[in-house]
Protein backbone atom coordinates (compact mmCIF):
# COMPACT_ATOMS: atom_id res chain seq x y z
CA MET A 1 -12.83 4.58 -12.81
CA GLU A 2 -11.08 1.75 -14.46
CA ILE A 3 -9.42 -1.63 -12.75
CA LYS A 4 -7.45 -3.61 -14.58
CA LYS A 5 -6.32 -7.13 -13.18
CA SER A 6 -2.90 -9.06 -13.99
CA VAL A 7 -0.65 -11.20 -12.21
CA GLU A 8 3.09 -10.32 -12.18
CA GLY A 9 4.99 -13.20 -10.88
CA ASN A 10 3.78 -14.08 -7.41
CA ALA A 11 1.46 -10.72 -7.08
CA THR A 12 -1.67 -9.76 -8.32
CA VAL A 13 -1.32 -6.35 -10.37
CA LEU A 14 -4.71 -3.54 -9.92
CA ALA A 15 -3.81 -0.77 -12.56
CA LEU A 16 -6.52 1.41 -11.62
CA SER A 17 -7.40 4.55 -14.39
CA GLY A 18 -9.01 7.41 -13.47
CA ARG A 19 -10.60 9.24 -10.23
CA LEU A 20 -10.52 6.91 -6.70
CA ASP A 21 -13.37 8.66 -4.96
CA THR A 22 -16.68 8.61 -2.66
CA ILE A 23 -18.19 7.46 -6.18
CA THR A 24 -15.67 4.88 -6.97
CA SER A 25 -14.00 3.53 -4.26
CA PRO A 26 -17.28 0.92 -3.39
CA GLN A 27 -15.74 -0.35 -6.60
CA LEU A 28 -12.36 -0.83 -5.40
CA SER A 29 -13.39 -2.51 -1.82
CA LYS A 30 -15.77 -4.43 -3.89
CA GLU A 31 -12.67 -5.91 -5.70
CA LEU A 32 -10.06 -6.29 -3.09
CA GLU A 33 -13.32 -7.71 -0.99
CA THR A 34 -13.32 -10.64 -3.65
CA LEU A 35 -9.48 -11.12 -4.13
CA LEU A 36 -8.28 -11.20 -0.37
CA GLU A 37 -11.12 -13.34 0.55
CA LYS A 38 -9.54 -16.49 -1.35
CA GLU A 39 -5.66 -17.09 -0.81
CA ALA A 40 -3.42 -15.05 0.95
CA ILE A 41 -2.18 -12.84 -1.91
CA ASN A 42 1.03 -10.17 -2.83
CA LEU A 43 -0.59 -7.26 -4.11
CA ILE A 44 0.58 -4.06 -6.18
CA PHE A 45 -1.39 -0.79 -6.98
CA ASP A 46 -0.75 0.71 -10.35
CA LEU A 47 -1.42 4.19 -10.11
CA SER A 48 -0.03 5.67 -12.66
CA SER A 49 -2.79 6.27 -14.43
CA LEU A 50 -4.74 7.63 -11.30
CA ASP A 51 -5.96 11.08 -12.04
CA TYR A 52 -6.98 11.76 -8.47
CA ILE A 53 -7.79 10.18 -5.18
CA SER A 54 -9.72 11.69 -1.91
CA SER A 55 -10.10 10.22 1.27
CA SER A 56 -12.59 7.38 0.89
CA GLY A 57 -10.14 6.25 -1.73
CA LEU A 58 -7.09 6.46 0.85
CA ARG A 59 -9.41 4.69 3.16
CA VAL A 60 -9.47 1.51 0.29
CA PHE A 61 -5.75 1.77 0.76
CA LEU A 62 -5.73 1.80 4.36
CA SER A 63 -8.19 -0.99 4.82
CA ALA A 64 -6.76 -3.34 2.31
CA GLN A 65 -2.93 -2.69 4.22
CA LYS A 66 -4.41 -4.14 7.38
CA LYS A 67 -5.92 -7.25 5.56
CA ILE A 68 -2.33 -8.00 3.62
CA ASN A 69 -0.66 -7.27 6.99
CA ALA A 70 -2.87 -9.78 8.83
CA MET A 71 -2.14 -12.15 6.14
CA GLY A 72 1.78 -11.95 6.32
CA THR A 73 1.90 -10.86 2.37
CA GLN A 74 3.25 -7.35 0.62
CA MET A 75 1.21 -4.66 -0.68
CA LYS A 76 2.87 -2.16 -2.86
CA ILE A 77 2.00 1.18 -4.66
CA ARG A 78 3.55 2.42 -7.61
CA GLY A 79 3.10 4.65 -10.31
CA VAL A 80 2.48 7.44 -8.31
CA ASN A 81 1.99 10.86 -10.17
CA GLU A 82 3.18 13.99 -7.95
CA THR A 83 -0.61 15.17 -7.42
CA VAL A 84 -1.38 11.92 -6.01
CA LYS A 85 1.73 11.71 -4.51
CA GLU A 86 1.44 15.00 -2.69
CA ILE A 87 -2.08 13.78 -1.12
CA PHE A 88 -0.39 10.48 -0.04
CA GLU A 89 2.68 12.95 1.19
CA VAL A 90 0.34 15.70 3.03
CA THR A 91 -1.81 12.65 4.54
CA GLY A 92 1.45 10.91 6.04
CA PHE A 93 0.06 7.64 4.29
CA THR A 94 4.17 7.25 2.51
CA GLY A 95 4.75 6.30 6.50
CA ILE A 96 1.90 3.57 6.49
CA LEU A 97 2.18 2.47 2.96
CA ASN A 98 5.05 0.83 0.67
CA ILE A 99 5.16 3.44 -2.35
CA GLU A 100 7.97 2.96 -4.92
């Protein structure tokens, strides 16, 4: 998995590509930990190049959402392809996460 970080307005954008699974989710967790310990930020995940997400990846998003909620900022997920969208729907994450 590759993570590209950029800034868009008042939000930090993390564009993910490849697979977010048991092997790669610690990499995203560490990136988020570094980002969220510095300051309260708005966060956008761009998943337009993400091919697959496992339960480990879902846990990373859930943890990030909890931290963002505690900070009083916003988290959005955009660019979700049909495969990943189906995983979000089946697991009920569409009701938990702000998916555009």
